C-alpha atoms as a PDB file:
ATOM      1  CA  MET A   1      -0.001   0.001   0.000  1.00  0.00           C
ATOM      2  CA  GLY A   2       2.766   2.395   0.830  1.00  0.00           C
ATOM      3  CA  SER A   3       4.368   2.066  -2.576  1.00  0.00           C
ATOM      4  CA  LYS A   4       1.051   2.627  -4.381  1.00  0.00           C
ATOM      5  CA  GLU A   5       0.360   5.773  -2.352  1.00  0.00           C
ATOM      6  CA  THR A   6       3.835   7.085  -3.144  1.00  0.00           C
ATOM      7  CA  LEU A   7       3.334   6.390  -6.853  1.00  0.00           C
ATOM      8  CA  CYS A   8      -0.017   8.196  -6.877  1.00  0.00           C
ATOM      9  CA  ARG A   9       1.423  11.156  -5.014  1.00  0.00           C
ATOM     10  CA  THR A  10       4.329  11.365  -7.499  1.00  0.00           C
ATOM     11  CA  ARG A  11       1.960  11.310 -10.489  1.00  0.00           C
ATOM     12  CA  THR A  12      -0.128  14.063  -8.918  1.00  0.00           C
ATOM     13  CA  ILE A  13       2.912  16.268  -8.407  1.00  0.00           C
ATOM     14  CA  LEU A  14       4.141  15.703 -11.973  1.00  0.00           C
ATOM     15  CA  CYS A  15       0.736  16.563 -13.420  1.00  0.00           C
ATOM     16  CA  PHE A  16       0.630  19.738 -11.340  1.00  0.00           C
ATOM     17  CA  LEU A  17       4.093  20.784 -12.530  1.00  0.00           C
ATOM     18  CA  LEU A  18       3.173  20.106 -16.157  1.00  0.00           C
ATOM     19  CA  LEU A  19       0.023  22.217 -15.930  1.00  0.00           C
ATOM     20  CA  PHE A  20       1.982  24.975 -14.205  1.00  0.00           C
ATOM     21  CA  CYS A  21       4.615  25.084 -16.961  1.00  0.00           C
ATOM     22  CA  VAL A  22       1.981  25.159 -19.714  1.00  0.00           C
ATOM     23  CA  SER A  23       0.128  27.999 -18.020  1.00  0.00           C
ATOM     24  CA  CYS A  24       3.354  29.990 -17.604  1.00  0.00           C
ATOM     25  CA  LYS A  25       4.214  29.551 -21.274  1.00  0.00           C
ATOM     26  CA  CYS A  26       0.786  30.710 -22.343  1.00  0.00           C
ATOM     27  CA  SER A  27       1.018  33.734 -20.067  1.00  0.00           C
ATOM     28  CA  ALA A  28       4.470  34.575 -21.433  1.00  0.00           C
ATOM     29  CA  SER A  29       3.202  34.311 -25.019  1.00  0.00           C
ATOM     30  CA  GLU A  30       0.301  36.634 -24.236  1.00  0.00           C
ATOM     31  CA  PHE A  31       2.750  39.069 -22.601  1.00  0.00           C
ATOM     32  CA  GLU A  32       5.032  39.068 -25.646  1.00  0.00           C
ATOM     33  CA  ILE A  33       2.139  39.652 -28.024  1.00  0.00           C
ATOM     34  CA  THR A  34       0.846  42.634 -26.095  1.00  0.00           C
ATOM     35  CA  GLN A  35       4.257  44.400 -25.932  1.00  0.00           C
ATOM     36  CA  VAL A  36       5.029  46.955 -28.648  1.00  0.00           C
ATOM     37  CA  ALA A  37       8.526  48.382 -29.175  1.00  0.00           C
ATOM     38  CA  SER A  38       9.490  51.358 -31.298  1.00  0.00           C
ATOM     39  CA  LEU A  39      12.790  52.909 -32.357  1.00  0.00           C
ATOM     40  CA  GLY A  40      13.065  56.493 -33.489  1.00  0.00           C
ATOM     41  CA  VAL A  41      15.968  57.849 -35.560  1.00  0.00           C
ATOM     42  CA  ASP A  42      16.446  61.583 -36.037  1.00  0.00           C
ATOM     43  CA  ALA A  43      18.545  62.081 -39.173  1.00  0.00           C
ATOM     44  CA  SER A  44      18.246  65.848 -39.267  1.00  0.00           C
ATOM     45  CA  SER A  45      21.222  67.477 -40.995  1.00  0.00           C
ATOM     46  CA  HIS A  46      21.817  69.919 -38.147  1.00  0.00           C
ATOM     47  CA  LEU A  47      22.443  66.974 -35.798  1.00  0.00           C
ATOM     48  CA  ALA A  48      24.896  65.200 -38.107  1.00  0.00           C
ATOM     49  CA  ARG A  49      28.640  65.098 -37.473  1.00  0.00           C
ATOM     50  CA  LYS A  50      31.181  65.333 -40.266  1.00  0.00           C
ATOM     51  CA  ILE A  51      33.017  62.066 -40.850  1.00  0.00           C
ATOM     52  CA  PRO A  52      36.815  62.590 -40.671  1.00  0.00           C
ATOM     53  CA  ASP A  53      38.841  61.695 -43.763  1.00  0.00           C
ATOM     54  CA  THR A  54      40.958  59.429 -41.564  1.00  0.00           C
ATOM     55  CA  LEU A  55      38.025  57.309 -40.374  1.00  0.00           C
ATOM     56  CA  PHE A  56      37.763  53.949 -42.108  1.00  0.00           C
ATOM     57  CA  GLY A  57      35.211  51.213 -41.681  1.00  0.00           C
ATOM     58  CA  ILE A  58      37.417  48.563 -40.181  1.00  0.00           C
ATOM     59  CA  PHE A  59      37.962  47.176 -36.709  1.00  0.00           C
ATOM     60  CA  PHE A  60      41.520  47.557 -35.430  1.00  0.00           C
ATOM     61  CA  GLU A  61      43.123  46.230 -32.272  1.00  0.00           C
ATOM     62  CA  GLU A  62      46.811  45.987 -31.399  1.00  0.00           C
ATOM     63  CA  ILE A  63      47.029  42.209 -31.217  1.00  0.00           C
ATOM     64  CA  ASN A  64      49.192  39.763 -33.182  1.00  0.00           C
ATOM     65  CA  HIS A  65      51.348  42.668 -34.430  1.00  0.00           C
ATOM     66  CA  ALA A  66      48.489  44.352 -36.263  1.00  0.00           C
ATOM     67  CA  GLY A  67      50.054  47.739 -35.463  1.00  0.00           C
ATOM     68  CA  ALA A  68      53.706  47.269 -34.493  1.00  0.00           C
ATOM     69  CA  GLY A  69      54.995  44.945 -37.178  1.00  0.00           C
ATOM     70  CA  GLY A  70      51.837  45.537 -39.249  1.00  0.00           C
ATOM     71  CA  ILE A  71      50.461  48.802 -40.600  1.00  0.00           C
ATOM     72  CA  TRP A  72      53.004  50.889 -38.638  1.00  0.00           C
ATOM     73  CA  ALA A  73      56.034  51.521 -40.844  1.00  0.00           C
ATOM     74  CA  GLU A  74      58.538  51.009 -38.010  1.00  0.00           C
ATOM     75  CA  LEU A  75      60.959  48.226 -38.968  1.00  0.00           C
ATOM     76  CA  VAL A  76      62.737  47.957 -35.603  1.00  0.00           C
ATOM     77  CA  SER A  77      61.189  45.716 -32.981  1.00  0.00           C
ATOM     78  CA  ASN A  78      61.508  46.906 -29.353  1.00  0.00           C
ATOM     79  CA  ARG A  79      63.168  50.140 -30.439  1.00  0.00           C
ATOM     80  CA  GLY A  80      63.084  51.569 -26.903  1.00  0.00           C
ATOM     81  CA  PHE A  81      64.564  48.478 -25.201  1.00  0.00           C
ATOM     82  CA  GLU A  82      61.540  48.286 -22.901  1.00  0.00           C
ATOM     83  CA  ALA A  83      59.833  45.052 -23.946  1.00  0.00           C
ATOM     84  CA  GLY A  84      60.354  43.868 -20.379  1.00  0.00           C
ATOM     85  CA  GLY A  85      58.737  46.935 -18.820  1.00  0.00           C
ATOM     86  CA  PRO A  86      60.161  50.058 -17.171  1.00  0.00           C
ATOM     87  CA  HIS A  87      62.437  48.199 -14.755  1.00  0.00           C
ATOM     88  CA  THR A  88      66.036  47.183 -15.267  1.00  0.00           C
ATOM     89  CA  PRO A  89      67.510  44.924 -16.348  1.00  0.00           C
ATOM     90  CA  SER A  90      64.928  45.070 -19.130  1.00  0.00           C
ATOM     91  CA  ASN A  91      64.193  42.569 -21.874  1.00  0.00           C
ATOM     92  CA  ILE A  92      65.952  43.742 -25.053  1.00  0.00           C
ATOM     93  CA  GLU A  93      64.707  40.948 -27.318  1.00  0.00           C
ATOM     94  CA  PRO A  94      64.865  40.603 -30.276  1.00  0.00           C
ATOM     95  CA  TRP A  95      68.091  42.633 -30.120  1.00  0.00           C
ATOM     96  CA  SER A  96      71.132  40.357 -30.144  1.00  0.00           C
ATOM     97  CA  ILE A  97      74.860  40.854 -29.594  1.00  0.00           C
ATOM     98  CA  ILE A  98      77.589  40.774 -32.247  1.00  0.00           C
ATOM     99  CA  GLY A  99      80.785  39.608 -30.550  1.00  0.00           C
ATOM    100  CA  ASP A 100      81.719  37.605 -27.461  1.00  0.00           C
ATOM    101  CA  ASP A 101      82.048  38.376 -23.754  1.00  0.00           C
ATOM    102  CA  SER A 102      85.671  39.438 -24.157  1.00  0.00           C
ATOM    103  CA  SER A 103      84.839  42.116 -26.722  1.00  0.00           C
ATOM    104  CA  ILE A 104      81.493  43.619 -25.717  1.00  0.00           C
ATOM    105  CA  PHE A 105      79.148  44.033 -22.755  1.00  0.00           C
ATOM    106  CA  VAL A 106      75.501  45.062 -23.175  1.00  0.00           C
ATOM    107  CA  GLY A 107      72.994  46.002 -20.466  1.00  0.00           C
ATOM    108  CA  THR A 108      70.192  48.425 -19.659  1.00  0.00           C
ATOM    109  CA  ASP A 109      69.803  51.255 -17.166  1.00  0.00           C
ATOM    110  CA  ARG A 110      67.402  54.111 -16.474  1.00  0.00           C
ATOM    111  CA  THR A 111      69.338  57.008 -18.020  1.00  0.00           C
ATOM    112  CA  SER A 112      67.245  57.821 -21.094  1.00  0.00           C
ATOM    113  CA  CYS A 113      66.442  61.387 -22.116  1.00  0.00           C
ATOM    114  CA  PHE A 114      62.782  60.399 -22.476  1.00  0.00           C
ATOM    115  CA  ARG A 115      60.839  61.165 -19.318  1.00  0.00           C
ATOM    116  CA  ARG A 116      58.199  58.468 -19.786  1.00  0.00           C
ATOM    117  CA  ASN A 117      60.524  55.798 -21.176  1.00  0.00           C
ATOM    118  CA  LYS A 118      63.609  55.868 -18.987  1.00  0.00           C
ATOM    119  CA  VAL A 119      65.235  52.577 -19.995  1.00  0.00           C
ATOM    120  CA  ALA A 120      68.204  52.875 -22.365  1.00  0.00           C
ATOM    121  CA  LEU A 121      70.727  50.397 -23.741  1.00  0.00           C
ATOM    122  CA  ARG A 122      74.322  50.637 -22.542  1.00  0.00           C
ATOM    123  CA  MET A 123      76.881  49.151 -24.923  1.00  0.00           C
ATOM    124  CA  GLU A 124      80.493  48.894 -23.797  1.00  0.00           C
ATOM    125  CA  VAL A 125      83.099  47.911 -26.377  1.00  0.00           C
ATOM    126  CA  LEU A 126      85.980  46.177 -24.592  1.00  0.00           C
ATOM    127  CA  CYS A 127      88.357  45.627 -27.508  1.00  0.00           C
ATOM    128  CA  ASP A 128      90.733  48.073 -29.170  1.00  0.00           C
ATOM    129  CA  ASN A 129      91.751  45.554 -31.782  1.00  0.00           C
ATOM    130  CA  CYS A 130      88.200  44.469 -32.628  1.00  0.00           C
ATOM    131  CA  PRO A 131      87.288  42.141 -35.503  1.00  0.00           C
ATOM    132  CA  ALA A 132      87.094  43.742 -38.958  1.00  0.00           C
ATOM    133  CA  VAL A 133      83.283  43.651 -38.918  1.00  0.00           C
ATOM    134  CA  GLY A 134      83.211  45.290 -35.490  1.00  0.00           C
ATOM    135  CA  VAL A 135      81.196  44.330 -32.429  1.00  0.00           C
ATOM    136  CA  GLY A 136      77.794  45.614 -31.404  1.00  0.00           C
ATOM    137  CA  ILE A 137      74.122  44.749 -31.652  1.00  0.00           C
ATOM    138  CA  TYR A 138      71.602  43.872 -34.331  1.00  0.00           C
ATOM    139  CA  ASN A 139      67.828  43.863 -34.678  1.00  0.00           C
ATOM    140  CA  PRO A 140      65.957  41.511 -37.073  1.00  0.00           C
ATOM    141  CA  GLY A 141      62.747  43.528 -36.889  1.00  0.00           C
ATOM    142  CA  PHE A 142      59.475  41.635 -37.077  1.00  0.00           C
ATOM    143  CA  TRP A 143      60.459  38.290 -38.663  1.00  0.00           C
ATOM    144  CA  GLY A 144      63.065  40.065 -40.790  1.00  0.00           C
ATOM    145  CA  MET A 145      63.144  43.536 -42.367  1.00  0.00           C
ATOM    146  CA  ASN A 146      61.921  43.762 -45.960  1.00  0.00           C
ATOM    147  CA  ILE A 147      64.651  45.896 -47.539  1.00  0.00           C
ATOM    148  CA  GLU A 148      64.215  46.725 -51.243  1.00  0.00           C
ATOM    149  CA  ASP A 149      66.881  47.688 -53.762  1.00  0.00           C
ATOM    150  CA  GLY A 150      67.129  51.426 -54.484  1.00  0.00           C
ATOM    151  CA  LYS A 151      64.867  52.512 -51.651  1.00  0.00           C
ATOM    152  CA  THR A 152      65.922  54.953 -48.947  1.00  0.00           C
ATOM    153  CA  TYR A 153      65.470  54.172 -45.269  1.00  0.00           C
ATOM    154  CA  ASN A 154      65.556  56.791 -42.523  1.00  0.00           C
ATOM    155  CA  LEU A 155      67.456  55.818 -39.398  1.00  0.00           C
ATOM    156  CA  VAL A 156      66.856  57.906 -36.273  1.00  0.00           C
ATOM    157  CA  MET A 157      68.263  57.187 -32.845  1.00  0.00           C
ATOM    158  CA  HIS A 158      69.327  58.937 -29.644  1.00  0.00           C
ATOM    159  CA  ALA A 159      72.793  58.396 -28.226  1.00  0.00           C
ATOM    160  CA  LYS A 160      75.344  59.677 -25.745  1.00  0.00           C
ATOM    161  CA  SER A 161      78.927  58.764 -24.867  1.00  0.00           C
ATOM    162  CA  PRO A 162      81.441  60.191 -22.370  1.00  0.00           C
ATOM    163  CA  GLU A 163      84.080  60.137 -25.120  1.00  0.00           C
ATOM    164  CA  MET A 164      83.738  60.494 -28.864  1.00  0.00           C
ATOM    165  CA  ILE A 165      82.983  57.148 -30.487  1.00  0.00           C
ATOM    166  CA  GLU A 166      82.573  56.180 -34.124  1.00  0.00           C
ATOM    167  CA  MET A 167      80.060  53.526 -35.088  1.00  0.00           C
ATOM    168  CA  THR A 168      78.736  51.928 -38.244  1.00  0.00           C
ATOM    169  CA  VAL A 169      75.043  51.442 -38.963  1.00  0.00           C
ATOM    170  CA  SER A 170      74.194  48.962 -41.674  1.00  0.00           C
ATOM    171  CA  LEU A 171      71.459  46.879 -43.233  1.00  0.00           C
ATOM    172  CA  THR A 172      72.604  43.325 -43.835  1.00  0.00           C
ATOM    173  CA  SER A 173      71.326  39.874 -44.662  1.00  0.00           C
ATOM    174  CA  SER A 174      70.025  37.780 -41.777  1.00  0.00           C
ATOM    175  CA  ASP A 175      73.470  36.219 -41.238  1.00  0.00           C
ATOM    176  CA  GLY A 176      75.268  39.572 -41.422  1.00  0.00           C
ATOM    177  CA  LEU A 177      77.462  38.513 -44.346  1.00  0.00           C
ATOM    178  CA  ARG A 178      75.862  40.597 -47.105  1.00  0.00           C
ATOM    179  CA  VAL A 179      75.758  44.377 -46.637  1.00  0.00           C
ATOM    180  CA  LEU A 180      72.852  46.144 -48.355  1.00  0.00           C
ATOM    181  CA  ALA A 181      73.524  49.645 -46.991  1.00  0.00           C
ATOM    182  CA  SER A 182      76.029  51.149 -44.605  1.00  0.00           C
ATOM    183  CA  ALA A 183      77.046  54.499 -43.115  1.00  0.00           C
ATOM    184  CA  ALA A 184      79.456  55.789 -40.479  1.00  0.00           C
ATOM    185  CA  ILE A 185      78.098  57.882 -37.612  1.00  0.00           C
ATOM    186  CA  ARG A 186      79.910  59.730 -34.847  1.00  0.00           C
ATOM    187  CA  VAL A 187      78.716  60.300 -31.299  1.00  0.00           C
ATOM    188  CA  PRO A 188      80.542  63.301 -29.795  1.00  0.00           C
ATOM    189  CA  GLY A 189      81.744  63.006 -26.234  1.00  0.00           C
ATOM    190  CA  GLY A 190      79.649  64.589 -23.515  1.00  0.00           C
ATOM    191  CA  SER A 191      76.957  64.043 -20.929  1.00  0.00           C
ATOM    192  CA  ASN A 192      74.026  65.100 -23.115  1.00  0.00           C
ATOM    193  CA  TRP A 193      71.912  62.950 -25.355  1.00  0.00           C
ATOM    194  CA  ILE A 194      71.925  63.802 -29.070  1.00  0.00           C
ATOM    195  CA  LYS A 195      69.586  62.829 -31.883  1.00  0.00           C
ATOM    196  CA  LEU A 196      71.222  61.165 -34.878  1.00  0.00           C
ATOM    197  CA  ASP A 197      69.639  60.999 -38.335  1.00  0.00           C
ATOM    198  CA  GLN A 198      71.034  58.922 -41.167  1.00  0.00           C
ATOM    199  CA  LYS A 199      69.670  57.921 -44.570  1.00  0.00           C
ATOM    200  CA  LEU A 200      70.519  54.448 -45.831  1.00  0.00           C
ATOM    201  CA  VAL A 201      70.091  53.641 -49.534  1.00  0.00           C
ATOM    202  CA  ALA A 202      69.710  49.922 -50.199  1.00  0.00           C
ATOM    203  CA  GLN A 203      71.991  48.348 -52.794  1.00  0.00           C
ATOM    204  CA  GLY A 204      70.059  45.114 -52.924  1.00  0.00           C
ATOM    205  CA  THR A 205      66.865  43.367 -51.878  1.00  0.00           C
ATOM    206  CA  ASP A 206      66.413  41.039 -48.929  1.00  0.00           C
ATOM    207  CA  ARG A 207      63.111  40.205 -47.238  1.00  0.00           C
ATOM    208  CA  THR A 208      64.803  38.970 -44.044  1.00  0.00           C
ATOM    209  CA  SER A 209      67.335  41.741 -43.435  1.00  0.00           C
ATOM    210  CA  ARG A 210      68.501  43.127 -40.116  1.00  0.00           C
ATOM    211  CA  LEU A 211      69.833  46.421 -38.736  1.00  0.00           C
ATOM    212  CA  GLN A 212      73.346  46.404 -37.249  1.00  0.00           C
ATOM    213  CA  ILE A 213      75.036  48.989 -35.011  1.00  0.00           C
ATOM    214  CA  THR A 214      78.736  48.233 -34.547  1.00  0.00           C
ATOM    215  CA  ALA A 215      81.996  49.794 -33.346  1.00  0.00           C
ATOM    216  CA  LYS A 216      85.664  48.844 -33.648  1.00  0.00           C
ATOM    217  CA  THR A 217      87.306  50.795 -30.831  1.00  0.00           C
ATOM    218  CA  LYS A 218      87.005  50.700 -27.052  1.00  0.00           C
ATOM    219  CA  GLY A 219      84.342  52.929 -25.541  1.00  0.00           C
ATOM    220  CA  VAL A 220      80.903  53.211 -23.948  1.00  0.00           C
ATOM    221  CA  VAL A 221      77.739  54.434 -25.643  1.00  0.00           C
ATOM    222  CA  TRP A 222      74.093  54.631 -24.595  1.00  0.00           C
ATOM    223  CA  LEU A 223      71.368  54.166 -27.208  1.00  0.00           C
ATOM    224  CA  ASP A 224      67.605  54.668 -27.138  1.00  0.00           C
ATOM    225  CA  GLN A 225      64.602  54.877 -29.466  1.00  0.00           C
ATOM    226  CA  VAL A 226      66.366  53.369 -32.478  1.00  0.00           C
ATOM    227  CA  SER A 227      63.997  53.772 -35.433  1.00  0.00           C
ATOM    228  CA  LEU A 228      64.187  52.680 -39.066  1.00  0.00           C
ATOM    229  CA  MET A 229      61.439  53.536 -41.551  1.00  0.00           C
ATOM    230  CA  PRO A 230      61.135  53.655 -45.353  1.00  0.00           C
ATOM    231  CA  SER A 231      61.393  57.220 -46.665  1.00  0.00           C
ATOM    232  CA  ASP A 232      58.194  56.799 -48.690  1.00  0.00           C
ATOM    233  CA  THR A 233      56.129  56.189 -45.560  1.00  0.00           C
ATOM    234  CA  TYR A 234      52.754  57.951 -45.437  1.00  0.00           C
ATOM    235  CA  LYS A 235      52.814  61.000 -43.169  1.00  0.00           C
END
């Protein structure tokens, strides 16, 4: 008897729940039918705003190198040596060293002339009788720099050195063996930062090039905001 009573009670509860759900659905349908929504759009000319010439109908977000390494013309990756943040020692990747521990020492410190980006690269050349190609640093850009024959590239960087130091800036193949463009630059001695500008004209094409900054004599130099852009970049 107990099991039959339990079964009957369960059926009664299920029937009640079913009827309740059906009634709720019907009530909801009636509610939806009776609701009326309206949307008003005022397209009066005096309320309109002029669309800027620089506004394009595309979504843009700085992810996966859409900006840096994408539509931005900058060829140098991590040009401010601050990929690791504002603290030192900072992450200078993808910058790499040309030379060994006996010929060059590279580090970072907070001595930049830029108030909001204080990290700068310190490069100390330890050799007076350096290799013929010099020692220094290089940057491969974003998966290699696309350098094209005959085109001009504008190099801009900030530097300082306690004593005058001569360096060479060059665009080379990914292994550094083929030179596409090269120029000598001089950093005068002193405690102040200076801005250096140099045009490099490519004498060849290489889609995986790199930028090299080298020296052949002993000395210390600080570098920051090293930029390389094609001269025909939109401004």
